[in-house]
Structure formats: structure tokens, C-alpha cells
């Protein structure tokens, strides 16, 4: 999880020419966290 988020957050920053703030980068990672958390909970229930 941590490695995946670090990878995707850095790629998101790179795609925006590193002009994003810390808050924007954190928000991207946390939104990704919300997505995989919901999917993981649904998977475990099923």
C-alpha cells in the first residue's frame, strides 16, 4: 500500500511538472486510499 501510494503520488506530481503543493499531492494519495479501502472492504465481505 505505502509503496503503491508513493509511486502514484510521485507520478502525479511528475505529470504536473512538479507544480503541485504538498496538500494537492496528499489529497491525491488520500483519495486513492478511499478508493482502494472501499473496494477492499467489499472484497472481504464477498
ModelCIF file with pLDDT and N, C-alpha, C, O atoms, coordinates in Angstrom:
data_MODEL
#
_entry.id   MODEL 
#
_entity.id                         1 
_entity.type                       polymer 
_entity.pdbx_number_of_molecules   1 
#
_entity_poly.entity_id                      1 
_entity_poly.type                           'polypeptide(L)' 
_entity_poly.nstd_linkage                   no 
_entity_poly.nstd_monomer                   no 
_entity_poly.pdbx_seq_one_letter_code       
;(UNK)(UNK)(UNK)(UNK)(UNK)(UNK)(UNK)(UNK)(UNK)(UNK)(UNK)(UNK)(UNK)(UNK)(UNK)(UNK)
(UNK)(UNK)(UNK)(UNK)(UNK)(UNK)(UNK)(UNK)(UNK)(UNK)(UNK)(UNK)(UNK)(UNK)(UNK)(UNK)
(UNK)(UNK)(UNK)(UNK)(UNK)(UNK)(UNK)(UNK)(UNK)(UNK)(UNK)(UNK)(UNK)(UNK)
;
_entity_poly.pdbx_seq_one_letter_code_can   XXXXXXXXXXXXXXXXXXXXXXXXXXXXXXXXXXXXXXXXXXXXXX 
_entity_poly.pdbx_strand_id                 A 
#
loop_
_entity_poly_seq.entity_id 
_entity_poly_seq.num 
_entity_poly_seq.mon_id 
_entity_poly_seq.hetero 
1 1  UNK n 
1 2  UNK n 
1 3  UNK n 
1 4  UNK n 
1 5  UNK n 
1 6  UNK n 
1 7  UNK n 
1 8  UNK n 
1 9  UNK n 
1 10 UNK n 
1 11 UNK n 
1 12 UNK n 
1 13 UNK n 
1 14 UNK n 
1 15 UNK n 
1 16 UNK n 
1 17 UNK n 
1 18 UNK n 
1 19 UNK n 
1 20 UNK n 
1 21 UNK n 
1 22 UNK n 
1 23 UNK n 
1 24 UNK n 
1 25 UNK n 
1 26 UNK n 
1 27 UNK n 
1 28 UNK n 
1 29 UNK n 
1 30 UNK n 
1 31 UNK n 
1 32 UNK n 
1 33 UNK n 
1 34 UNK n 
1 35 UNK n 
1 36 UNK n 
1 37 UNK n 
1 38 UNK n 
1 39 UNK n 
1 40 UNK n 
1 41 UNK n 
1 42 UNK n 
1 43 UNK n 
1 44 UNK n 
1 45 UNK n 
1 46 UNK n 
#
_struct_asym.id          A 
_struct_asym.entity_id   1 
#
loop_
_ma_qa_metric.id 
_ma_qa_metric.mode 
_ma_qa_metric.name 
_ma_qa_metric.software_group_id 
_ma_qa_metric.type 
1 global pLDDT . pLDDT 
2 local  pLDDT . pLDDT 
#
_ma_qa_metric_global.metric_id      1 
_ma_qa_metric_global.metric_value   94.04 
_ma_qa_metric_global.model_id       1 
_ma_qa_metric_global.ordinal_id     1 
#
loop_
_ma_qa_metric_local.label_asym_id 
_ma_qa_metric_local.label_comp_id 
_ma_qa_metric_local.label_seq_id 
_ma_qa_metric_local.metric_id 
_ma_qa_metric_local.metric_value 
_ma_qa_metric_local.model_id 
_ma_qa_metric_local.ordinal_id 
A UNK 1  2 95.00 1 1  
A UNK 2  2 96.00 1 2  
A UNK 3  2 96.00 1 3  
A UNK 4  2 96.00 1 4  
A UNK 5  2 96.00 1 5  
A UNK 6  2 96.00 1 6  
A UNK 7  2 96.00 1 7  
A UNK 8  2 96.00 1 8  
A UNK 9  2 96.00 1 9  
A UNK 10 2 95.00 1 10 
A UNK 11 2 94.00 1 11 
A UNK 12 2 93.00 1 12 
A UNK 13 2 93.00 1 13 
A UNK 14 2 92.00 1 14 
A UNK 15 2 91.00 1 15 
A UNK 16 2 90.00 1 16 
A UNK 17 2 87.00 1 17 
A UNK 18 2 89.00 1 18 
A UNK 19 2 88.00 1 19 
A UNK 20 2 89.00 1 20 
A UNK 21 2 90.00 1 21 
A UNK 22 2 92.00 1 22 
A UNK 23 2 92.00 1 23 
A UNK 24 2 93.00 1 24 
A UNK 25 2 95.00 1 25 
A UNK 26 2 96.00 1 26 
A UNK 27 2 96.00 1 27 
A UNK 28 2 96.00 1 28 
A UNK 29 2 96.00 1 29 
A UNK 30 2 96.00 1 30 
A UNK 31 2 96.00 1 31 
A UNK 32 2 97.00 1 32 
A UNK 33 2 97.00 1 33 
A UNK 34 2 96.00 1 34 
A UNK 35 2 96.00 1 35 
A UNK 36 2 95.00 1 36 
A UNK 37 2 96.00 1 37 
A UNK 38 2 96.00 1 38 
A UNK 39 2 96.00 1 39 
A UNK 40 2 94.00 1 40 
A UNK 41 2 95.00 1 41 
A UNK 42 2 95.00 1 42 
A UNK 43 2 94.00 1 43 
A UNK 44 2 91.00 1 44 
A UNK 45 2 93.00 1 45 
A UNK 46 2 93.00 1 46 
#
loop_
_atom_site.group_PDB 
_atom_site.id 
_atom_site.type_symbol 
_atom_site.label_atom_id 
_atom_site.label_alt_id 
_atom_site.label_comp_id 
_atom_site.label_asym_id 
_atom_site.label_entity_id 
_atom_site.label_seq_id 
_atom_site.pdbx_PDB_ins_code 
_atom_site.Cartn_x 
_atom_site.Cartn_y 
_atom_site.Cartn_z 
_atom_site.occupancy 
_atom_site.B_iso_or_equiv 
_atom_site.pdbx_formal_charge 
_atom_site.auth_seq_id 
_atom_site.auth_comp_id 
_atom_site.auth_asym_id 
_atom_site.auth_atom_id 
_atom_site.pdbx_PDB_model_num 
ATOM 1   N N  . UNK A 1 1  ? 0.834   -1.205  0.000   1.00 95.00 ? 1  UNK A N  1 
ATOM 2   C CA . UNK A 1 1  ? 0.000   0.000   0.000   1.00 95.00 ? 1  UNK A CA 1 
ATOM 3   C C  . UNK A 1 1  ? 0.867   1.253   0.000   1.00 95.00 ? 1  UNK A C  1 
ATOM 4   O O  . UNK A 1 1  ? 0.675   2.149   -0.822  1.00 95.00 ? 1  UNK A O  1 
ATOM 5   N N  . UNK A 1 2  ? 1.817   1.311   0.923   1.00 96.00 ? 2  UNK A N  1 
ATOM 6   C CA . UNK A 1 2  ? 2.662   2.500   1.043   1.00 96.00 ? 2  UNK A CA 1 
ATOM 7   C C  . UNK A 1 2  ? 3.494   2.691   -0.231  1.00 96.00 ? 2  UNK A C  1 
ATOM 8   O O  . UNK A 1 2  ? 3.589   3.799   -0.759  1.00 96.00 ? 2  UNK A O  1 
ATOM 9   N N  . UNK A 1 3  ? 4.087   1.613   -0.709  1.00 96.00 ? 3  UNK A N  1 
ATOM 10  C CA . UNK A 1 3  ? 4.891   1.708   -1.935  1.00 96.00 ? 3  UNK A CA 1 
ATOM 11  C C  . UNK A 1 3  ? 4.064   2.133   -3.128  1.00 96.00 ? 3  UNK A C  1 
ATOM 12  O O  . UNK A 1 3  ? 4.504   2.958   -3.929  1.00 96.00 ? 3  UNK A O  1 
ATOM 13  N N  . UNK A 1 4  ? 2.866   1.578   -3.257  1.00 96.00 ? 4  UNK A N  1 
ATOM 14  C CA . UNK A 1 4  ? 1.984   1.958   -4.363  1.00 96.00 ? 4  UNK A CA 1 
ATOM 15  C C  . UNK A 1 4  ? 1.599   3.416   -4.304  1.00 96.00 ? 4  UNK A C  1 
ATOM 16  O O  . UNK A 1 4  ? 1.603   4.111   -5.320  1.00 96.00 ? 4  UNK A O  1 
ATOM 17  N N  . UNK A 1 5  ? 1.264   3.884   -3.105  1.00 96.00 ? 5  UNK A N  1 
ATOM 18  C CA . UNK A 1 5  ? 0.884   5.288   -2.974  1.00 96.00 ? 5  UNK A CA 1 
ATOM 19  C C  . UNK A 1 5  ? 2.053   6.227   -3.265  1.00 96.00 ? 5  UNK A C  1 
ATOM 20  O O  . UNK A 1 5  ? 1.885   7.246   -3.935  1.00 96.00 ? 5  UNK A O  1 
ATOM 21  N N  . UNK A 1 6  ? 3.223   5.886   -2.764  1.00 96.00 ? 6  UNK A N  1 
ATOM 22  C CA . UNK A 1 6  ? 4.392   6.727   -3.038  1.00 96.00 ? 6  UNK A CA 1 
ATOM 23  C C  . UNK A 1 6  ? 4.617   6.806   -4.548  1.00 96.00 ? 6  UNK A C  1 
ATOM 24  O O  . UNK A 1 6  ? 4.861   7.884   -5.090  1.00 96.00 ? 6  UNK A O  1 
ATOM 25  N N  . UNK A 1 7  ? 4.535   5.665   -5.215  1.00 96.00 ? 7  UNK A N  1 
ATOM 26  C CA . UNK A 1 7  ? 4.746   5.634   -6.666  1.00 96.00 ? 7  UNK A CA 1 
ATOM 27  C C  . UNK A 1 7  ? 3.726   6.515   -7.381  1.00 96.00 ? 7  UNK A C  1 
ATOM 28  O O  . UNK A 1 7  ? 4.097   7.364   -8.191  1.00 96.00 ? 7  UNK A O  1 
ATOM 29  N N  . UNK A 1 8  ? 2.442   6.315   -7.086  1.00 96.00 ? 8  UNK A N  1 
ATOM 30  C CA . UNK A 1 8  ? 1.406   7.055   -7.808  1.00 96.00 ? 8  UNK A CA 1 
ATOM 31  C C  . UNK A 1 8  ? 1.414   8.543   -7.476  1.00 96.00 ? 8  UNK A C  1 
ATOM 32  O O  . UNK A 1 8  ? 1.159   9.365   -8.356  1.00 96.00 ? 8  UNK A O  1 
ATOM 33  N N  . UNK A 1 9  ? 1.699   8.906   -6.236  1.00 96.00 ? 9  UNK A N  1 
ATOM 34  C CA . UNK A 1 9  ? 1.758   10.325  -5.873  1.00 96.00 ? 9  UNK A CA 1 
ATOM 35  C C  . UNK A 1 9  ? 2.923   11.008  -6.598  1.00 96.00 ? 9  UNK A C  1 
ATOM 36  O O  . UNK A 1 9  ? 2.773   12.115  -7.115  1.00 96.00 ? 9  UNK A O  1 
ATOM 37  N N  . UNK A 1 10 ? 4.080   10.345  -6.632  1.00 95.00 ? 10 UNK A N  1 
ATOM 38  C CA . UNK A 1 10 ? 5.221   10.961  -7.344  1.00 95.00 ? 10 UNK A CA 1 
ATOM 39  C C  . UNK A 1 10 ? 4.958   11.054  -8.846  1.00 95.00 ? 10 UNK A C  1 
ATOM 40  O O  . UNK A 1 10 ? 5.368   12.021  -9.488  1.00 95.00 ? 10 UNK A O  1 
ATOM 41  N N  . UNK A 1 11 ? 4.280   10.060  -9.404  1.00 94.00 ? 11 UNK A N  1 
ATOM 42  C CA . UNK A 1 11 ? 3.939   10.123  -10.825 1.00 94.00 ? 11 UNK A CA 1 
ATOM 43  C C  . UNK A 1 11 ? 2.929   11.239  -11.107 1.00 94.00 ? 11 UNK A C  1 
ATOM 44  O O  . UNK A 1 11 ? 2.990   11.887  -12.151 1.00 94.00 ? 11 UNK A O  1 
ATOM 45  N N  . UNK A 1 12 ? 2.011   11.456  -10.179 1.00 93.00 ? 12 UNK A N  1 
ATOM 46  C CA . UNK A 1 12 ? 1.039   12.536  -10.311 1.00 93.00 ? 12 UNK A CA 1 
ATOM 47  C C  . UNK A 1 12 ? 1.759   13.891  -10.285 1.00 93.00 ? 12 UNK A C  1 
ATOM 48  O O  . UNK A 1 12 ? 1.450   14.777  -11.081 1.00 93.00 ? 12 UNK A O  1 
ATOM 49  N N  . UNK A 1 13 ? 2.706   14.041  -9.376  1.00 93.00 ? 13 UNK A N  1 
ATOM 50  C CA . UNK A 1 13 ? 3.492   15.272  -9.319  1.00 93.00 ? 13 UNK A CA 1 
ATOM 51  C C  . UNK A 1 13 ? 4.305   15.484  -10.584 1.00 93.00 ? 13 UNK A C  1 
ATOM 52  O O  . UNK A 1 13 ? 4.377   16.595  -11.109 1.00 93.00 ? 13 UNK A O  1 
ATOM 53  N N  . UNK A 1 14 ? 4.920   14.408  -11.071 1.00 92.00 ? 14 UNK A N  1 
ATOM 54  C CA . UNK A 1 14 ? 5.719   14.482  -12.299 1.00 92.00 ? 14 UNK A CA 1 
ATOM 55  C C  . UNK A 1 14 ? 4.846   14.866  -13.490 1.00 92.00 ? 14 UNK A C  1 
ATOM 56  O O  . UNK A 1 14 ? 5.265   15.663  -14.330 1.00 92.00 ? 14 UNK A O  1 
ATOM 57  N N  . UNK A 1 15 ? 3.644   14.314  -13.573 1.00 91.00 ? 15 UNK A N  1 
ATOM 58  C CA . UNK A 1 15 ? 2.736   14.605  -14.686 1.00 91.00 ? 15 UNK A CA 1 
ATOM 59  C C  . UNK A 1 15 ? 2.296   16.065  -14.685 1.00 91.00 ? 15 UNK A C  1 
ATOM 60  O O  . UNK A 1 15 ? 1.892   16.597  -15.719 1.00 91.00 ? 15 UNK A O  1 
ATOM 61  N N  . UNK A 1 16 ? 2.375   16.707  -13.532 1.00 90.00 ? 16 UNK A N  1 
ATOM 62  C CA . UNK A 1 16 ? 2.016   18.117  -13.428 1.00 90.00 ? 16 UNK A CA 1 
ATOM 63  C C  . UNK A 1 16 ? 3.256   18.998  -13.277 1.00 90.00 ? 16 UNK A C  1 
ATOM 64  O O  . UNK A 1 16 ? 3.197   20.074  -12.682 1.00 90.00 ? 16 UNK A O  1 
ATOM 65  N N  . UNK A 1 17 ? 4.369   18.532  -13.818 1.00 87.00 ? 17 UNK A N  1 
ATOM 66  C CA . UNK A 1 17 ? 5.635   19.280  -13.824 1.00 87.00 ? 17 UNK A CA 1 
ATOM 67  C C  . UNK A 1 17 ? 6.060   19.752  -12.442 1.00 87.00 ? 17 UNK A C  1 
ATOM 68  O O  . UNK A 1 17 ? 6.683   20.804  -12.299 1.00 87.00 ? 17 UNK A O  1 
ATOM 69  N N  . UNK A 1 18 ? 5.719   18.971  -11.433 1.00 89.00 ? 18 UNK A N  1 
ATOM 70  C CA . UNK A 1 18 ? 6.106   19.232  -10.043 1.00 89.00 ? 18 UNK A CA 1 
ATOM 71  C C  . UNK A 1 18 ? 5.619   20.588  -9.526  1.00 89.00 ? 18 UNK A C  1 
ATOM 72  O O  . UNK A 1 18 ? 6.233   21.172  -8.633  1.00 89.00 ? 18 UNK A O  1 
ATOM 73  N N  . UNK A 1 19 ? 4.512   21.085  -10.093 1.00 88.00 ? 19 UNK A N  1 
ATOM 74  C CA . UNK A 1 19 ? 3.991   22.392  -9.660  1.00 88.00 ? 19 UNK A CA 1 
ATOM 75  C C  . UNK A 1 19 ? 2.917   22.264  -8.585  1.00 88.00 ? 19 UNK A C  1 
ATOM 76  O O  . UNK A 1 19 ? 2.393   23.275  -8.118  1.00 88.00 ? 19 UNK A O  1 
ATOM 77  N N  . UNK A 1 20 ? 2.583   21.042  -8.188  1.00 89.00 ? 20 UNK A N  1 
ATOM 78  C CA . UNK A 1 20 ? 1.543   20.843  -7.191  1.00 89.00 ? 20 UNK A CA 1 
ATOM 79  C C  . UNK A 1 20 ? 2.099   21.025  -5.774  1.00 89.00 ? 20 UNK A C  1 
ATOM 80  O O  . UNK A 1 20 ? 3.272   20.755  -5.515  1.00 89.00 ? 20 UNK A O  1 
ATOM 81  N N  . UNK A 1 21 ? 1.249   21.479  -4.880  1.00 90.00 ? 21 UNK A N  1 
ATOM 82  C CA . UNK A 1 21 ? 1.656   21.678  -3.489  1.00 90.00 ? 21 UNK A CA 1 
ATOM 83  C C  . UNK A 1 21 ? 1.606   20.354  -2.731  1.00 90.00 ? 21 UNK A C  1 
ATOM 84  O O  . UNK A 1 21 ? 1.072   19.357  -3.219  1.00 90.00 ? 21 UNK A O  1 
ATOM 85  N N  . UNK A 1 22 ? 2.170   20.369  -1.541  1.00 92.00 ? 22 UNK A N  1 
ATOM 86  C CA . UNK A 1 22 ? 2.131   19.196  -0.661  1.00 92.00 ? 22 UNK A CA 1 
ATOM 87  C C  . UNK A 1 22 ? 0.681   18.760  -0.431  1.00 92.00 ? 22 UNK A C  1 
ATOM 88  O O  . UNK A 1 22 ? 0.371   17.570  -0.480  1.00 92.00 ? 22 UNK A O  1 
ATOM 89  N N  . UNK A 1 23 ? -0.201  19.729  -0.182  1.00 92.00 ? 23 UNK A N  1 
ATOM 90  C CA . UNK A 1 23 ? -1.614  19.433  0.069   1.00 92.00 ? 23 UNK A CA 1 
ATOM 91  C C  . UNK A 1 23 ? -2.293  18.782  -1.114  1.00 92.00 ? 23 UNK A C  1 
ATOM 92  O O  . UNK A 1 23 ? -3.074  17.846  -0.946  1.00 92.00 ? 23 UNK A O  1 
ATOM 93  N N  . UNK A 1 24 ? -2.000  19.271  -2.323  1.00 93.00 ? 24 UNK A N  1 
ATOM 94  C CA . UNK A 1 24 ? -2.580  18.666  -3.524  1.00 93.00 ? 24 UNK A CA 1 
ATOM 95  C C  . UNK A 1 24 ? -2.102  17.229  -3.710  1.00 93.00 ? 24 UNK A C  1 
ATOM 96  O O  . UNK A 1 24 ? -2.885  16.352  -4.074  1.00 93.00 ? 24 UNK A O  1 
ATOM 97  N N  . UNK A 1 25 ? -0.827  16.992  -3.462  1.00 95.00 ? 25 UNK A N  1 
ATOM 98  C CA . UNK A 1 25 ? -0.267  15.652  -3.611  1.00 95.00 ? 25 UNK A CA 1 
ATOM 99  C C  . UNK A 1 25 ? -0.840  14.705  -2.553  1.00 95.00 ? 25 UNK A C  1 
ATOM 100 O O  . UNK A 1 25 ? -1.183  13.562  -2.855  1.00 95.00 ? 25 UNK A O  1 
ATOM 101 N N  . UNK A 1 26 ? -0.940  15.190  -1.309  1.00 96.00 ? 26 UNK A N  1 
ATOM 102 C CA . UNK A 1 26 ? -1.511  14.370  -0.247  1.00 96.00 ? 26 UNK A CA 1 
ATOM 103 C C  . UNK A 1 26 ? -2.970  14.041  -0.558  1.00 96.00 ? 26 UNK A C  1 
ATOM 104 O O  . UNK A 1 26 ? -3.404  12.904  -0.370  1.00 96.00 ? 26 UNK A O  1 
ATOM 105 N N  . UNK A 1 27 ? -3.722  15.022  -1.030  1.00 96.00 ? 27 UNK A N  1 
ATOM 106 C CA . UNK A 1 27 ? -5.136  14.805  -1.351  1.00 96.00 ? 27 UNK A CA 1 
ATOM 107 C C  . UNK A 1 27 ? -5.287  13.728  -2.427  1.00 96.00 ? 27 UNK A C  1 
ATOM 108 O O  . UNK A 1 27 ? -6.182  12.887  -2.337  1.00 96.00 ? 27 UNK A O  1 
ATOM 109 N N  . UNK A 1 28 ? -4.432  13.747  -3.431  1.00 96.00 ? 28 UNK A N  1 
ATOM 110 C CA . UNK A 1 28 ? -4.458  12.719  -4.479  1.00 96.00 ? 28 UNK A CA 1 
ATOM 111 C C  . UNK A 1 28 ? -4.247  11.335  -3.862  1.00 96.00 ? 28 UNK A C  1 
ATOM 112 O O  . UNK A 1 28 ? -4.987  10.399  -4.163  1.00 96.00 ? 28 UNK A O  1 
ATOM 113 N N  . UNK A 1 29 ? -3.245  11.209  -3.005  1.00 96.00 ? 29 UNK A N  1 
ATOM 114 C CA . UNK A 1 29 ? -2.968  9.927   -2.369  1.00 96.00 ? 29 UNK A CA 1 
ATOM 115 C C  . UNK A 1 29 ? -4.091  9.480   -1.456  1.00 96.00 ? 29 UNK A C  1 
ATOM 116 O O  . UNK A 1 29 ? -4.413  8.293   -1.402  1.00 96.00 ? 29 UNK A O  1 
ATOM 117 N N  . UNK A 1 30 ? -4.690  10.417  -0.737  1.00 96.00 ? 30 UNK A N  1 
ATOM 118 C CA . UNK A 1 30 ? -5.752  10.046  0.197   1.00 96.00 ? 30 UNK A CA 1 
ATOM 119 C C  . UNK A 1 30 ? -7.033  9.679   -0.547  1.00 96.00 ? 30 UNK A C  1 
ATOM 120 O O  . UNK A 1 30 ? -7.778  8.806   -0.099  1.00 96.00 ? 30 UNK A O  1 
ATOM 121 N N  . UNK A 1 31 ? -7.298  10.333  -1.677  1.00 96.00 ? 31 UNK A N  1 
ATOM 122 C CA . UNK A 1 31 ? -8.451  9.939   -2.496  1.00 96.00 ? 31 UNK A CA 1 
ATOM 123 C C  . UNK A 1 31 ? -8.241  8.529   -3.045  1.00 96.00 ? 31 UNK A C  1 
ATOM 124 O O  . UNK A 1 31 ? -9.180  7.736   -3.102  1.00 96.00 ? 31 UNK A O  1 
ATOM 125 N N  . UNK A 1 32 ? -7.019  8.221   -3.445  1.00 97.00 ? 32 UNK A N  1 
ATOM 126 C CA . UNK A 1 32 ? -6.698  6.862   -3.897  1.00 97.00 ? 32 UNK A CA 1 
ATOM 127 C C  . UNK A 1 32 ? -6.926  5.866   -2.764  1.00 97.00 ? 32 UNK A C  1 
ATOM 128 O O  . UNK A 1 32 ? -7.426  4.763   -2.985  1.00 97.00 ? 32 UNK A O  1 
ATOM 129 N N  . UNK A 1 33 ? -6.554  6.265   -1.550  1.00 97.00 ? 33 UNK A N  1 
ATOM 130 C CA . UNK A 1 33 ? -6.759  5.426   -0.365  1.00 97.00 ? 33 UNK A CA 1 
ATOM 131 C C  . UNK A 1 33 ? -8.242  5.125   -0.168  1.00 97.00 ? 33 UNK A C  1 
ATOM 132 O O  . UNK A 1 33 ? -8.612  3.989   0.131   1.00 97.00 ? 33 UNK A O  1 
ATOM 133 N N  . UNK A 1 34 ? -9.086  6.131   -0.333  1.00 96.00 ? 34 UNK A N  1 
ATOM 134 C CA . UNK A 1 34 ? -10.524 5.926   -0.173  1.00 96.00 ? 34 UNK A CA 1 
ATOM 135 C C  . UNK A 1 34 ? -11.029 4.894   -1.183  1.00 96.00 ? 34 UNK A C  1 
ATOM 136 O O  . UNK A 1 34 ? -11.848 4.040   -0.842  1.00 96.00 ? 34 UNK A O  1 
ATOM 137 N N  . UNK A 1 35 ? -10.551 4.969   -2.407  1.00 96.00 ? 35 UNK A N  1 
ATOM 138 C CA . UNK A 1 35 ? -10.988 4.031   -3.450  1.00 96.00 ? 35 UNK A CA 1 
ATOM 139 C C  . UNK A 1 35 ? -10.584 2.611   -3.098  1.00 96.00 ? 35 UNK A C  1 
ATOM 140 O O  . UNK A 1 35 ? -11.426 1.713   -3.110  1.00 96.00 ? 35 UNK A O  1 
ATOM 141 N N  . UNK A 1 36 ? -9.297  2.386   -2.781  1.00 95.00 ? 36 UNK A N  1 
ATOM 142 C CA . UNK A 1 36 ? -8.899  1.002   -2.527  1.00 95.00 ? 36 UNK A CA 1 
ATOM 143 C C  . UNK A 1 36 ? -9.435  0.478   -1.199  1.00 95.00 ? 36 UNK A C  1 
ATOM 144 O O  . UNK A 1 36 ? -9.589  -0.733  -1.041  1.00 95.00 ? 36 UNK A O  1 
ATOM 145 N N  . UNK A 1 37 ? -9.721  1.349   -0.250  1.00 96.00 ? 37 UNK A N  1 
ATOM 146 C CA . UNK A 1 37 ? -10.315 0.909   1.016   1.00 96.00 ? 37 UNK A CA 1 
ATOM 147 C C  . UNK A 1 37 ? -11.730 0.379   0.784   1.00 96.00 ? 37 UNK A C  1 
ATOM 148 O O  . UNK A 1 37 ? -12.084 -0.690  1.282   1.00 96.00 ? 37 UNK A O  1 
ATOM 149 N N  . UNK A 1 38 ? -12.526 1.115   0.039   1.00 96.00 ? 38 UNK A N  1 
ATOM 150 C CA . UNK A 1 38 ? -13.903 0.681   -0.245  1.00 96.00 ? 38 UNK A CA 1 
ATOM 151 C C  . UNK A 1 38 ? -13.897 -0.638  -1.009  1.00 96.00 ? 38 UNK A C  1 
ATOM 152 O O  . UNK A 1 38 ? -14.660 -1.547  -0.684  1.00 96.00 ? 38 UNK A O  1 
ATOM 153 N N  . UNK A 1 39 ? -13.051 -0.743  -2.010  1.00 96.00 ? 39 UNK A N  1 
ATOM 154 C CA . UNK A 1 39 ? -13.000 -1.974  -2.802  1.00 96.00 ? 39 UNK A CA 1 
ATOM 155 C C  . UNK A 1 39 ? -12.530 -3.142  -1.942  1.00 96.00 ? 39 UNK A C  1 
ATOM 156 O O  . UNK A 1 39 ? -13.063 -4.245  -2.063  1.00 96.00 ? 39 UNK A O  1 
ATOM 157 N N  . UNK A 1 40 ? -11.562 -2.924  -1.095  1.00 94.00 ? 40 UNK A N  1 
ATOM 158 C CA . UNK A 1 40 ? -11.053 -3.997  -0.240  1.00 94.00 ? 40 UNK A CA 1 
ATOM 159 C C  . UNK A 1 40 ? -12.122 -4.466  0.755   1.00 94.00 ? 40 UNK A C  1 
ATOM 160 O O  . UNK A 1 40 ? -12.236 -5.665  1.012   1.00 94.00 ? 40 UNK A O  1 
ATOM 161 N N  . UNK A 1 41 ? -12.891 -3.552  1.307   1.00 95.00 ? 41 UNK A N  1 
ATOM 162 C CA . UNK A 1 41 ? -13.962 -3.934  2.238   1.00 95.00 ? 41 UNK A CA 1 
ATOM 163 C C  . UNK A 1 41 ? -15.025 -4.754  1.507   1.00 95.00 ? 41 UNK A C  1 
ATOM 164 O O  . UNK A 1 41 ? -15.475 -5.780  2.018   1.00 95.00 ? 41 UNK A O  1 
ATOM 165 N N  . UNK A 1 42 ? -15.423 -4.314  0.331   1.00 95.00 ? 42 UNK A N  1 
ATOM 166 C CA . UNK A 1 42 ? -16.409 -5.070  -0.456  1.00 95.00 ? 42 UNK A CA 1 
ATOM 167 C C  . UNK A 1 42 ? -15.859 -6.461  -0.784  1.00 95.00 ? 42 UNK A C  1 
ATOM 168 O O  . UNK A 1 42 ? -16.578 -7.455  -0.683  1.00 95.00 ? 42 UNK A O  1 
ATOM 169 N N  . UNK A 1 43 ? -14.595 -6.528  -1.174  1.00 94.00 ? 43 UNK A N  1 
ATOM 170 C CA . UNK A 1 43 ? -13.984 -7.835  -1.466  1.00 94.00 ? 43 UNK A CA 1 
ATOM 171 C C  . UNK A 1 43 ? -14.025 -8.746  -0.250  1.00 94.00 ? 43 UNK A C  1 
ATOM 172 O O  . UNK A 1 43 ? -14.398 -9.913  -0.370  1.00 94.00 ? 43 UNK A O  1 
ATOM 173 N N  . UNK A 1 44 ? -13.648 -8.237  0.920   1.00 91.00 ? 44 UNK A N  1 
ATOM 174 C CA . UNK A 1 44 ? -13.624 -9.067  2.124   1.00 91.00 ? 44 UNK A CA 1 
ATOM 175 C C  . UNK A 1 44 ? -15.019 -9.568  2.498   1.00 91.00 ? 44 UNK A C  1 
ATOM 176 O O  . UNK A 1 44 ? -15.173 -10.715 2.916   1.00 91.00 ? 44 UNK A O  1 
ATOM 177 N N  . UNK A 1 45 ? -16.025 -8.721  2.351   1.00 93.00 ? 45 UNK A N  1 
ATOM 178 C CA . UNK A 1 45 ? -17.399 -9.143  2.647   1.00 93.00 ? 45 UNK A CA 1 
ATOM 179 C C  . UNK A 1 45 ? -17.802 -10.280 1.703   1.00 93.00 ? 45 UNK A C  1 
ATOM 180 O O  . UNK A 1 45 ? -18.310 -11.312 2.140   1.00 93.00 ? 45 UNK A O  1 
ATOM 181 N N  . UNK A 1 46 ? -17.571 -10.081 0.428   1.00 93.00 ? 46 UNK A N  1 
ATOM 182 C CA . UNK A 1 46 ? -17.915 -11.118 -0.556  1.00 93.00 ? 46 UNK A CA 1 
ATOM 183 C C  . UNK A 1 46 ? -17.109 -12.381 -0.293  1.00 93.00 ? 46 UNK A C  1 
ATOM 184 O O  . UNK A 1 46 ? -17.255 -13.368 -1.014  1.00 93.00 ? 46 UNK A O  1 
#
